[in-house]
C-alpha atoms as a PDB file:
ATOM      1  CA  MET A   1      -3.331   3.967 -25.113  1.00  0.00           C
ATOM      2  CA  LYS A   2      -3.829   4.893 -21.460  1.00  0.00           C
ATOM      3  CA  LEU A   3      -1.611   5.628 -18.478  1.00  0.00           C
ATOM      4  CA  ILE A   4      -2.923   4.150 -15.241  1.00  0.00           C
ATOM      5  CA  ILE A   5      -1.595   5.827 -12.102  1.00  0.00           C
ATOM      6  CA  ALA A   6      -2.463   3.717  -9.054  1.00  0.00           C
ATOM      7  CA  VAL A   7      -1.614   4.844  -5.529  1.00  0.00           C
ATOM      8  CA  VAL A   8      -1.766   1.790  -3.257  1.00  0.00           C
ATOM      9  CA  GLN A   9      -0.732   0.981   0.290  1.00  0.00           C
ATOM     10  CA  ASP A  10       2.714  -0.628   0.639  1.00  0.00           C
ATOM     11  CA  GLN A  11       1.086  -3.736   2.132  1.00  0.00           C
ATOM     12  CA  ASP A  12      -0.764  -4.376  -1.138  1.00  0.00           C
ATOM     13  CA  ALA A  13       1.901  -3.297  -3.641  1.00  0.00           C
ATOM     14  CA  GLY A  14       3.929  -6.528  -3.733  1.00  0.00           C
ATOM     15  CA  ARG A  15       0.916  -8.762  -4.319  1.00  0.00           C
ATOM     16  CA  LEU A  16      -0.453  -6.387  -6.947  1.00  0.00           C
ATOM     17  CA  LEU A  17       2.851  -6.314  -8.839  1.00  0.00           C
ATOM     18  CA  GLU A  18       3.002 -10.120  -8.785  1.00  0.00           C
ATOM     19  CA  LYS A  19      -0.501 -10.330 -10.257  1.00  0.00           C
ATOM     20  CA  LEU A  20       0.270  -7.704 -12.906  1.00  0.00           C
ATOM     21  CA  VAL A  21       3.449  -9.498 -14.025  1.00  0.00           C
ATOM     22  CA  ALA A  22       1.688 -12.885 -14.036  1.00  0.00           C
ATOM     23  CA  ALA A  23      -0.972 -11.391 -16.320  1.00  0.00           C
ATOM     24  CA  GLY A  24       1.720 -10.059 -18.678  1.00  0.00           C
ATOM     25  CA  HIS A  25       1.526  -6.388 -17.701  1.00  0.00           C
ATOM     26  CA  ARG A  26       4.441  -4.105 -16.885  1.00  0.00           C
ATOM     27  CA  ALA A  27       4.556  -1.384 -14.242  1.00  0.00           C
ATOM     28  CA  THR A  28       6.965   1.157 -12.834  1.00  0.00           C
ATOM     29  CA  ARG A  29       6.988   1.296  -9.033  1.00  0.00           C
ATOM     30  CA  LEU A  30       7.580   4.589  -7.207  1.00  0.00           C
ATOM     31  CA  ALA A  31       7.942   4.916  -3.436  1.00  0.00           C
ATOM     32  CA  THR A  32       5.685   7.749  -2.276  1.00  0.00           C
ATOM     33  CA  THR A  33       4.354   9.147   0.994  1.00  0.00           C
ATOM     34  CA  GLY A  34       0.736   9.977   1.736  1.00  0.00           C
ATOM     35  CA  GLY A  35      -0.161  13.410   3.026  1.00  0.00           C
ATOM     36  CA  PHE A  36      -2.832  12.431   5.551  1.00  0.00           C
ATOM     37  CA  LEU A  37      -1.184   9.641   7.539  1.00  0.00           C
ATOM     38  CA  ARG A  38       2.347  10.499   6.396  1.00  0.00           C
ATOM     39  CA  GLN A  39       3.008   6.812   5.827  1.00  0.00           C
ATOM     40  CA  GLY A  40       4.659   5.113   2.914  1.00  0.00           C
ATOM     41  CA  ASN A  41       2.650   3.981  -0.054  1.00  0.00           C
ATOM     42  CA  THR A  42       3.436   2.938  -3.592  1.00  0.00           C
ATOM     43  CA  THR A  43       2.516   4.641  -6.839  1.00  0.00           C
ATOM     44  CA  LEU A  44       2.410   2.414  -9.902  1.00  0.00           C
ATOM     45  CA  LEU A  45       2.663   3.783 -13.429  1.00  0.00           C
ATOM     46  CA  ILE A  46       1.137   1.357 -15.912  1.00  0.00           C
ATOM     47  CA  GLY A  47       1.017   1.992 -19.658  1.00  0.00           C
ATOM     48  CA  MET A  48      -1.820   0.014 -21.194  1.00  0.00           C
ATOM     49  CA  GLU A  49      -3.741  -0.482 -24.431  1.00  0.00           C
ATOM     50  CA  ASP A  50      -7.309   0.810 -24.173  1.00  0.00           C
ATOM     51  CA  GLU A  51      -8.890  -2.645 -24.408  1.00  0.00           C
ATOM     52  CA  LYS A  52      -6.855  -3.982 -21.428  1.00  0.00           C
ATOM     53  CA  VAL A  53      -7.560  -1.156 -18.973  1.00  0.00           C
ATOM     54  CA  GLU A  54     -10.560  -2.912 -17.392  1.00  0.00           C
ATOM     55  CA  ASP A  55      -8.454  -6.055 -16.797  1.00  0.00           C
ATOM     56  CA  VAL A  56      -5.868  -4.034 -14.872  1.00  0.00           C
ATOM     57  CA  LEU A  57      -8.524  -2.143 -12.910  1.00  0.00           C
ATOM     58  CA  LYS A  58     -10.074  -5.482 -11.910  1.00  0.00           C
ATOM     59  CA  LEU A  59      -6.684  -6.747 -10.623  1.00  0.00           C
ATOM     60  CA  ILE A  60      -6.240  -3.556  -8.602  1.00  0.00           C
ATOM     61  CA  GLU A  61      -9.737  -3.840  -7.125  1.00  0.00           C
ATOM     62  CA  GLU A  62      -9.241  -7.518  -6.214  1.00  0.00           C
ATOM     63  CA  THR A  63      -5.866  -6.922  -4.558  1.00  0.00           C
ATOM     64  CA  CYS A  64      -6.096  -3.550  -2.813  1.00  0.00           C
ATOM     65  CA  ARG A  65      -8.662  -3.712  -0.037  1.00  0.00           C
ATOM     66  CA  SER A  66      -9.567  -1.171   2.608  1.00  0.00           C
ATOM     67  CA  ARG A  67      -8.801  -1.973   6.229  1.00  0.00           C
ATOM     68  CA  THR A  68      -8.920  -0.083   9.507  1.00  0.00           C
ATOM     69  CA  GLN A  69      -5.846   1.067  11.374  1.00  0.00           C
ATOM     70  CA  VAL A  70      -5.353   2.843  14.689  1.00  0.00           C
ATOM     71  CA  VAL A  71      -3.184   5.956  14.332  1.00  0.00           C
ATOM     72  CA  THR A  72      -2.168   8.812  16.580  1.00  0.00           C
ATOM     73  CA  PRO A  73      -2.790  12.143  14.840  1.00  0.00           C
ATOM     74  CA  TRP A  74       0.059  14.606  14.336  1.00  0.00           C
ATOM     75  CA  VAL A  75       0.216  17.889  16.252  1.00  0.00           C
ATOM     76  CA  PRO A  76      -2.252  20.350  14.660  1.00  0.00           C
ATOM     77  CA  LEU A  77      -0.700  23.111  12.589  1.00  0.00           C
ATOM     78  CA  GLY A  78      -1.016  26.535  14.187  1.00  0.00           C
ATOM     79  CA  GLY A  79      -2.445  25.077  17.379  1.00  0.00           C
ATOM     80  CA  SER A  80      -1.067  25.140  20.866  1.00  0.00           C
ATOM     81  CA  VAL A  81       1.058  22.085  21.602  1.00  0.00           C
ATOM     82  CA  ASP A  82       0.593  22.566  25.365  1.00  0.00           C
ATOM     83  CA  SER A  83      -3.126  21.761  25.292  1.00  0.00           C
ATOM     84  CA  TYR A  84      -2.991  19.112  22.548  1.00  0.00           C
ATOM     85  CA  VAL A  85      -3.363  15.517  23.727  1.00  0.00           C
ATOM     86  CA  PRO A  86      -3.106  13.027  20.846  1.00  0.00           C
ATOM     87  CA  TYR A  87      -5.585  10.185  21.228  1.00  0.00           C
ATOM     88  CA  PRO A  88      -5.398   7.164  18.935  1.00  0.00           C
ATOM     89  CA  VAL A  89      -8.069   7.228  16.239  1.00  0.00           C
ATOM     90  CA  GLU A  90      -9.289   4.394  14.040  1.00  0.00           C
ATOM     91  CA  VAL A  91      -9.237   5.311  10.334  1.00  0.00           C
ATOM     92  CA  ALA A  92      -9.887   3.468   7.091  1.00  0.00           C
ATOM     93  CA  VAL A  93      -6.723   2.896   5.039  1.00  0.00           C
ATOM     94  CA  GLY A  94      -5.856   0.919   1.973  1.00  0.00           C
ATOM     95  CA  GLY A  95      -7.769   0.444  -1.183  1.00  0.00           C
ATOM     96  CA  ALA A  96      -6.409   2.311  -4.158  1.00  0.00           C
ATOM     97  CA  THR A  97      -6.648   5.714  -5.741  1.00  0.00           C
ATOM     98  CA  VAL A  98      -6.523   5.236  -9.498  1.00  0.00           C
ATOM     99  CA  PHE A  99      -6.243   7.725 -12.348  1.00  0.00           C
ATOM    100  CA  VAL A 100      -6.657   6.679 -15.982  1.00  0.00           C
ATOM    101  CA  LEU A 101      -5.218   9.221 -18.393  1.00  0.00           C
ATOM    102  CA  PRO A 102      -5.129   9.289 -22.188  1.00  0.00           C
ATOM    103  CA  VAL A 103      -1.645   9.008 -23.722  1.00  0.00           C
ATOM    104  CA  GLU A 104      -1.050  11.098 -26.811  1.00  0.00           C
ATOM    105  CA  ASP A 105       2.295   9.539 -27.719  1.00  0.00           C
ATOM    106  CA  PHE A 106       4.256   6.510 -26.484  1.00  0.00           C
ATOM    107  CA  ARG A 107       7.783   5.545 -27.482  1.00  0.00           C
ATOM    108  CA  LYS A 108       9.949   2.803 -26.084  1.00  0.00           C
ATOM    109  CA  LEU A 109      13.554   3.774 -26.755  1.00  0.00           C
END
């Protein structure tokens, strides 16, 4: 058994959950915040049998795509605010960060 931890952008989370449920998988949804852009994202916890892990990873890859977004950077830590002029910057966002961990014991109580 494996535990899949998938951190996805909020824009992709709803569609991904729909696909997971339609395929007969269950997931726990956690609202989380990213450290770089300080924007909301979603972390999914998915318990899965070893032989079905690739199916779930394929659904994640199909659903969670990278895109570009224009953001204004936060004030630098330890820097002078007087001389800091935030200019919008285009960054790549989206996709998914996925961890697959072995599960030693699983109990549904």
